[in-house]
Amino acid sequence: MTRPGLYALDRLRVGSAPDSWGVWFPDDPLQVPWERFLDEVAEAGYAWIELGPYGYLPTDPARLTAETQRRGLRVSAGTVFTALHRGPGVWDATWEQVARVAELTRAMGAGHLVVIPAFWRDDRTAALIESPHLTPEQFRALTGGTEELARRVREEYGLGVVVHPHADTHIDTEANVTRFLDATDPALVSLCLDTGHYAYCGGDSVRLIETYGERIGYLHLKQVDPDVLAEVVRAGTPFGPAVRQGVMCEPPGGVPALEPVLTAAQGLGVELFAIVEQDMYPCEPDRPFPIAERTRRFLRSCGA
């Protein structure tokens, strides 16, 4: 049932992702087996999933198709991490991993490739590995490289690139996100707006949708616990440890409120995937499923 006064958000296709089951890496003893993820995401009421880190789910398209179809699941996108700000020297290695993921993504009938910029911290230790700030040359390498990547992915695989602003990367705050959008070709580069990461970095998702709506090509639904975030900001805690402290929380207990975000996205007049992601690596194996069920019920109550 939809709450009284709310209309159906019929342009949003809701799904979930391995991230909501605490999956950050292709293989990790702290993560649930991929079979359990597929079983539980379907049982929780989702019809769409993302591939997650390449190698977590089976990479043979025939096998993965059989596994998803028998559970009533379809794939919305694949995900890659890139470090294009480092210039032409990283292109060949970048394209090698992008091509692998894009090939599987296309084979699964999906239409999007979510591109996450490289962390300036180590993703396991949170140690600082490069400057949080780009030089002008690095920024040009980032924007030009992203456009070239998007062009080639579209030409060779028929997929649309959606760039994911992310905490502890060079595309994070409102200033950095809008600067990146203003410097890239709208015909090539769209945005995967992650409501949690954007709030974590001080951004307003509704305002971004209202001002850059034509660039929004995909949504990740996530919330931040404002009390934990305040302590994270005060202490200067890196993103990985902040997740372990519970900075990303179960809806509707955090910010931003998702109802106005969903309404603004519906108002764009285009079909969008709205994929639930609740960063919580590592987590107990029995924790994700009840949260996923409750989140799906909450989104239905919002009209999604």
Protein backbone atom coordinates (compact mmCIF):
# COMPACT_ATOMS: atom_id res chain seq x y z
CA MET A 1 0.00 0.00 0.00
CA THR A 2 1.10 3.55 -0.76
CA ARG A 3 0.75 6.20 1.92
CA PRO A 4 -2.38 8.35 1.48
CA GLY A 5 -1.76 11.24 -0.86
CA LEU A 6 1.24 9.65 -2.60
CA TYR A 7 1.10 8.59 -6.23
CA ALA A 8 2.90 5.61 -7.72
CA LEU A 9 6.50 6.31 -8.62
CA ASP A 10 6.08 4.37 -11.82
CA ARG A 11 9.23 5.61 -13.54
CA LEU A 12 11.54 4.17 -10.88
CA ARG A 13 12.73 0.58 -11.05
CA VAL A 14 13.79 -0.48 -7.57
CA GLY A 15 16.55 -2.99 -6.93
CA SER A 16 19.33 -3.84 -4.54
CA ALA A 17 23.00 -4.72 -4.73
CA PRO A 18 25.64 -6.94 -3.13
CA ASP A 19 26.76 -3.86 -1.18
CA SER A 20 23.56 -4.12 0.88
CA TRP A 21 24.75 -7.57 1.96
CA GLY A 22 28.14 -6.25 3.09
CA VAL A 23 29.95 -7.19 -0.13
CA TRP A 24 32.86 -4.92 -1.08
CA PHE A 25 35.33 -7.38 -2.62
CA PRO A 26 35.24 -10.23 -5.16
CA ASP A 27 36.31 -12.73 -2.52
CA ASP A 28 36.42 -12.15 1.22
CA PRO A 29 35.77 -14.52 4.15
CA LEU A 30 33.73 -11.79 5.90
CA GLN A 31 31.16 -11.73 3.09
CA VAL A 32 28.12 -13.94 2.49
CA PRO A 33 28.37 -16.49 -0.35
CA TRP A 34 26.94 -15.24 -3.63
CA GLU A 35 24.23 -17.92 -3.65
CA ARG A 36 22.90 -16.62 -0.34
CA PHE A 37 22.89 -13.05 -1.64
CA LEU A 38 20.83 -14.05 -4.70
CA ASP A 39 18.42 -16.12 -2.62
CA GLU A 40 17.86 -13.38 -0.07
CA VAL A 41 17.65 -10.41 -2.43
CA ALA A 42 14.87 -12.19 -4.33
CA GLU A 43 13.09 -13.24 -1.13
CA ALA A 44 13.25 -9.65 0.13
CA GLY A 45 11.16 -8.54 -2.85
CA TYR A 46 13.64 -7.07 -5.31
CA ALA A 47 13.60 -7.84 -9.03
CA TRP A 48 16.78 -5.99 -10.05
CA ILE A 49 20.38 -6.36 -8.89
CA GLU A 50 23.81 -5.01 -9.75
CA LEU A 51 26.80 -7.24 -10.41
CA GLY A 52 28.82 -5.85 -7.52
CA PRO A 53 32.61 -6.33 -7.53
CA TYR A 54 33.60 -8.32 -10.60
CA GLY A 55 34.13 -11.93 -9.63
CA TYR A 56 31.76 -12.01 -6.67
CA LEU A 57 28.90 -13.33 -8.79
CA PRO A 58 29.65 -15.94 -11.46
CA THR A 59 31.33 -14.32 -14.47
CA ASP A 60 30.12 -16.92 -16.97
CA PRO A 61 27.05 -15.28 -18.56
CA ALA A 62 25.22 -18.57 -19.12
CA ARG A 63 25.62 -19.64 -15.53
CA LEU A 64 24.75 -16.23 -14.11
CA THR A 65 21.70 -15.98 -16.36
CA ALA A 66 20.47 -19.36 -15.14
CA GLU A 67 21.04 -18.38 -11.50
CA THR A 68 19.27 -15.03 -11.79
CA GLN A 69 16.39 -16.21 -13.96
CA ARG A 70 15.40 -19.03 -11.64
CA ARG A 71 15.13 -16.47 -8.85
CA GLY A 72 13.22 -13.93 -10.94
CA LEU A 73 16.11 -11.44 -10.97
CA ARG A 74 17.53 -9.18 -13.67
CA VAL A 75 20.75 -7.16 -13.78
CA SER A 76 20.63 -3.37 -14.01
CA ALA A 77 24.34 -2.48 -14.12
CA GLY A 78 27.94 -3.45 -13.66
CA THR A 79 30.47 -1.48 -11.63
CA VAL A 80 34.09 -0.48 -12.21
CA PHE A 81 36.63 1.59 -10.30
CA THR A 82 38.87 3.87 -12.34
CA ALA A 83 41.82 6.20 -11.71
CA LEU A 84 41.59 8.25 -14.88
CA HIS A 85 42.98 11.34 -13.17
CA ARG A 86 46.38 9.63 -13.31
CA GLY A 87 46.51 10.20 -17.06
CA PRO A 88 47.19 8.16 -20.22
CA GLY A 89 49.57 5.83 -18.42
CA VAL A 90 46.67 4.02 -16.73
CA TRP A 91 44.44 3.75 -19.80
CA ASP A 92 45.39 0.25 -20.96
CA ALA A 93 44.97 -1.31 -17.52
CA THR A 94 41.74 0.61 -17.00
CA TRP A 95 40.27 -0.51 -20.29
CA GLU A 96 41.23 -4.13 -19.64
CA GLN A 97 39.11 -4.28 -16.48
CA VAL A 98 36.34 -2.10 -17.93
CA ALA A 99 36.04 -4.37 -20.96
CA ARG A 100 35.68 -7.46 -18.73
CA VAL A 101 32.90 -5.91 -16.70
CA ALA A 102 31.19 -4.32 -19.71
CA GLU A 103 31.15 -7.63 -21.57
CA LEU A 104 29.38 -9.39 -18.69
CA THR A 105 27.06 -6.43 -18.13
CA ARG A 106 25.97 -6.45 -21.76
CA ALA A 107 25.58 -10.23 -21.78
CA MET A 108 23.21 -9.94 -18.81
CA GLY A 109 20.99 -7.49 -20.71
CA ALA A 110 21.87 -4.49 -18.55
CA GLY A 111 22.30 -0.99 -19.96
CA HIS A 112 24.52 0.84 -17.46
CA LEU A 113 28.09 0.83 -16.26
CA VAL A 114 28.58 2.54 -12.90
CA VAL A 115 32.02 4.18 -12.82
CA ILE A 116 33.46 5.00 -9.39
CA PRO A 117 36.57 7.19 -9.21
CA ALA A 118 39.57 5.83 -7.36
CA PHE A 119 39.82 6.40 -3.62
CA TRP A 120 42.62 8.63 -2.36
CA ARG A 121 42.75 6.26 0.60
CA ASP A 122 43.54 2.55 0.59
CA ASP A 123 40.19 0.74 0.51
CA ARG A 124 41.24 -1.79 3.15
CA THR A 125 43.57 0.11 5.48
CA ALA A 126 42.19 3.68 4.96
CA ALA A 127 45.79 4.93 4.70
CA LEU A 128 46.25 8.10 2.65
CA ILE A 129 47.75 7.12 -0.72
CA GLU A 130 47.49 10.39 -2.67
CA SER A 131 46.30 13.96 -2.33
CA PRO A 132 42.54 14.55 -1.88
CA HIS A 133 42.91 17.50 -4.27
CA LEU A 134 43.50 17.31 -8.02
CA THR A 135 45.91 19.51 -9.89
CA PRO A 136 44.50 21.24 -13.01
CA GLU A 137 46.30 18.67 -15.15
CA GLN A 138 44.81 15.78 -13.17
CA PHE A 139 41.32 17.29 -13.42
CA ARG A 140 41.66 17.54 -17.22
CA ALA A 141 42.85 13.94 -17.30
CA LEU A 142 39.82 12.90 -15.23
CA THR A 143 37.24 14.68 -17.36
CA GLY A 144 38.82 13.86 -20.72
CA GLY A 145 39.45 10.26 -19.73
CA THR A 146 35.89 9.82 -18.52
CA GLU A 147 34.50 11.18 -21.78
CA GLU A 148 36.72 8.85 -23.80
CA LEU A 149 35.75 5.90 -21.60
CA ALA A 150 32.05 6.69 -22.00
CA ARG A 151 32.41 7.07 -25.76
CA ARG A 152 34.21 3.76 -26.15
CA VAL A 153 31.91 1.85 -23.78
CA ARG A 154 28.91 3.09 -25.74
CA GLU A 155 30.43 2.26 -29.13
CA GLU A 156 31.75 -1.18 -28.23
CA TYR A 157 29.22 -2.41 -25.67
CA GLY A 158 26.12 -0.23 -26.04
CA LEU A 159 26.20 0.76 -22.36
CA GLY A 160 25.72 4.17 -20.78
CA VAL A 161 28.37 5.34 -18.31
CA VAL A 162 27.04 6.79 -15.05
CA VAL A 163 29.70 8.29 -12.79
CA HIS A 164 29.23 7.69 -9.07
CA PRO A 165 30.26 10.47 -6.66
CA HIS A 166 31.79 8.74 -3.65
CA ALA A 167 33.26 9.64 -0.28
CA ASP A 168 37.07 9.76 -0.16
CA THR A 169 37.33 10.25 -3.93
CA HIS A 170 37.89 13.34 -6.06
CA ILE A 171 34.21 13.51 -7.03
CA ASP A 172 32.49 13.90 -3.68
CA THR A 173 31.21 17.31 -2.51
CA GLU A 174 28.65 19.49 -4.28
CA ALA A 175 31.46 21.75 -5.54
CA ASN A 176 33.44 18.84 -6.98
CA VAL A 177 30.38 17.10 -8.45
CA THR A 178 29.06 20.21 -10.19
CA ARG A 179 32.56 21.14 -11.40
CA PHE A 180 32.89 17.66 -12.91
CA LEU A 181 29.47 17.86 -14.55
CA ASP A 182 30.15 21.31 -15.98
CA ALA A 183 33.41 20.07 -17.49
CA THR A 184 32.07 16.92 -19.19
CA ASP A 185 29.89 16.34 -22.24
CA PRO A 186 26.23 15.75 -21.25
CA ALA A 187 25.80 13.58 -24.33
CA LEU A 188 28.40 11.15 -22.98
CA VAL A 189 28.61 11.38 -19.20
CA SER A 190 25.71 10.98 -16.80
CA LEU A 191 25.62 10.71 -13.02
CA CYS A 192 24.81 7.88 -10.66
CA LEU A 193 23.51 9.93 -7.75
CA ASP A 194 24.16 8.07 -4.52
CA THR A 195 22.00 9.85 -1.96
CA GLY A 196 24.03 8.56 0.99
CA HIS A 197 27.47 9.42 -0.31
CA TYR A 198 26.26 12.83 -1.44
CA ALA A 199 24.79 13.57 2.00
CA TYR A 200 27.95 12.21 3.67
CA CYS A 201 29.90 14.83 1.70
CA GLY A 202 27.44 17.64 2.48
CA GLY A 203 25.38 17.63 -0.72
CA ASP A 204 21.63 18.06 -1.22
CA SER A 205 20.26 15.36 -3.52
CA VAL A 206 16.96 17.10 -4.25
CA ARG A 207 18.74 20.31 -5.23
CA LEU A 208 21.12 18.38 -7.49
CA ILE A 209 18.19 16.65 -9.21
CA GLU A 210 16.40 19.99 -9.64
CA THR A 211 19.45 21.78 -11.05
CA TYR A 212 21.22 19.01 -12.99
CA GLY A 213 18.27 16.75 -13.68
CA GLU A 214 19.24 16.10 -17.29
CA ARG A 215 22.52 14.58 -16.04
CA ILE A 216 20.94 12.12 -13.58
CA GLY A 217 21.05 8.71 -15.23
CA TYR A 218 20.83 6.36 -12.27
CA LEU A 219 20.18 6.38 -8.51
CA HIS A 220 21.65 4.64 -5.51
CA LEU A 221 19.39 4.91 -2.48
CA LYS A 222 21.20 5.23 0.82
CA GLN A 223 20.92 7.18 4.07
CA VAL A 224 23.41 8.59 6.57
CA ASP A 225 23.02 8.60 10.34
CA PRO A 226 23.45 12.34 11.11
CA ASP A 227 24.72 11.75 14.65
CA VAL A 228 27.39 9.30 13.54
CA LEU A 229 28.27 11.58 10.61
CA ALA A 230 28.77 14.54 12.95
CA GLU A 231 31.26 12.51 14.99
CA VAL A 232 32.97 11.25 11.81
CA VAL A 233 33.39 14.82 10.56
CA ARG A 234 34.60 16.02 13.97
CA ALA A 235 37.18 13.25 14.22
CA GLY A 236 38.20 13.28 10.55
CA THR A 237 37.39 9.56 10.31
CA PRO A 238 38.06 7.92 6.91
CA PHE A 239 35.12 6.41 5.06
CA GLY A 240 35.89 2.73 5.69
CA PRO A 241 36.09 3.06 9.47
CA ALA A 242 33.05 5.38 9.35
CA VAL A 243 31.05 2.56 7.74
CA ARG A 244 32.14 0.21 10.50
CA GLN A 245 30.83 2.80 12.97
CA GLY A 246 27.42 2.65 11.27
CA VAL A 247 27.45 5.95 9.40
CA MET A 248 25.24 4.45 6.67
CA CYS A 249 21.94 3.47 8.23
CA GLU A 250 18.68 1.74 7.46
CA PRO A 251 15.91 3.90 5.94
CA PRO A 252 13.97 5.83 7.04
CA GLY A 253 16.17 6.54 10.05
CA GLY A 254 18.69 8.86 8.40
CA VAL A 255 19.25 11.60 5.87
CA PRO A 256 18.37 12.56 3.25
CA ALA A 257 14.66 11.84 3.51
CA LEU A 258 14.04 9.55 0.56
CA GLU A 259 10.44 10.53 -0.22
CA PRO A 260 11.36 13.97 -1.68
CA VAL A 261 14.32 12.47 -3.52
CA LEU A 262 12.10 9.85 -5.14
CA THR A 263 9.45 12.44 -5.98
CA ALA A 264 12.05 14.72 -7.58
CA ALA A 265 13.45 11.80 -9.58
CA GLN A 266 9.96 10.80 -10.74
CA GLY A 267 9.45 14.40 -11.85
CA LEU A 268 12.32 14.15 -14.34
CA GLY A 269 9.96 12.23 -16.60
CA VAL A 270 12.44 9.48 -17.50
CA GLU A 271 12.84 5.89 -16.37
CA LEU A 272 15.52 5.47 -13.72
CA PHE A 273 16.90 2.61 -11.73
CA ALA A 274 16.80 3.26 -7.98
CA ILE A 275 19.13 0.69 -6.46
CA VAL A 276 19.29 0.30 -2.68
CA GLU A 277 22.81 0.27 -1.26
CA GLN A 278 23.52 0.25 2.44
CA ASP A 279 27.26 0.22 3.02
CA MET A 280 27.93 -2.04 6.00
CA TYR A 281 31.14 -3.95 5.39
CA PRO A 282 31.83 -6.05 7.34
CA CYS A 283 28.60 -7.30 8.88
CA GLU A 284 27.15 -10.40 10.47
CA PRO A 285 25.72 -12.73 7.80
CA ASP A 286 22.21 -12.70 9.30
CA ARG A 287 21.98 -8.91 9.46
CA PRO A 288 21.32 -7.85 5.80
CA PHE A 289 18.16 -9.79 4.97
CA PRO A 290 15.80 -8.30 7.59
CA ILE A 291 17.05 -4.82 6.70
CA ALA A 292 16.49 -5.49 3.01
CA GLU A 293 12.93 -6.67 3.66
CA ARG A 294 12.10 -3.64 5.79
CA THR A 295 13.67 -1.26 3.27
CA ARG A 296 11.64 -2.76 0.43
CA ARG A 297 8.44 -2.33 2.46
CA PHE A 298 9.40 1.26 3.22
CA LEU A 299 10.00 2.06 -0.45
CA ARG A 300 6.65 0.52 -1.37
CA SER A 301 5.03 2.78 1.21
CA CYS A 302 6.64 5.73 -0.60
CA GLY A 303 5.06 4.62 -3.88
CA ALA A 304 8.08 2.89 -5.38
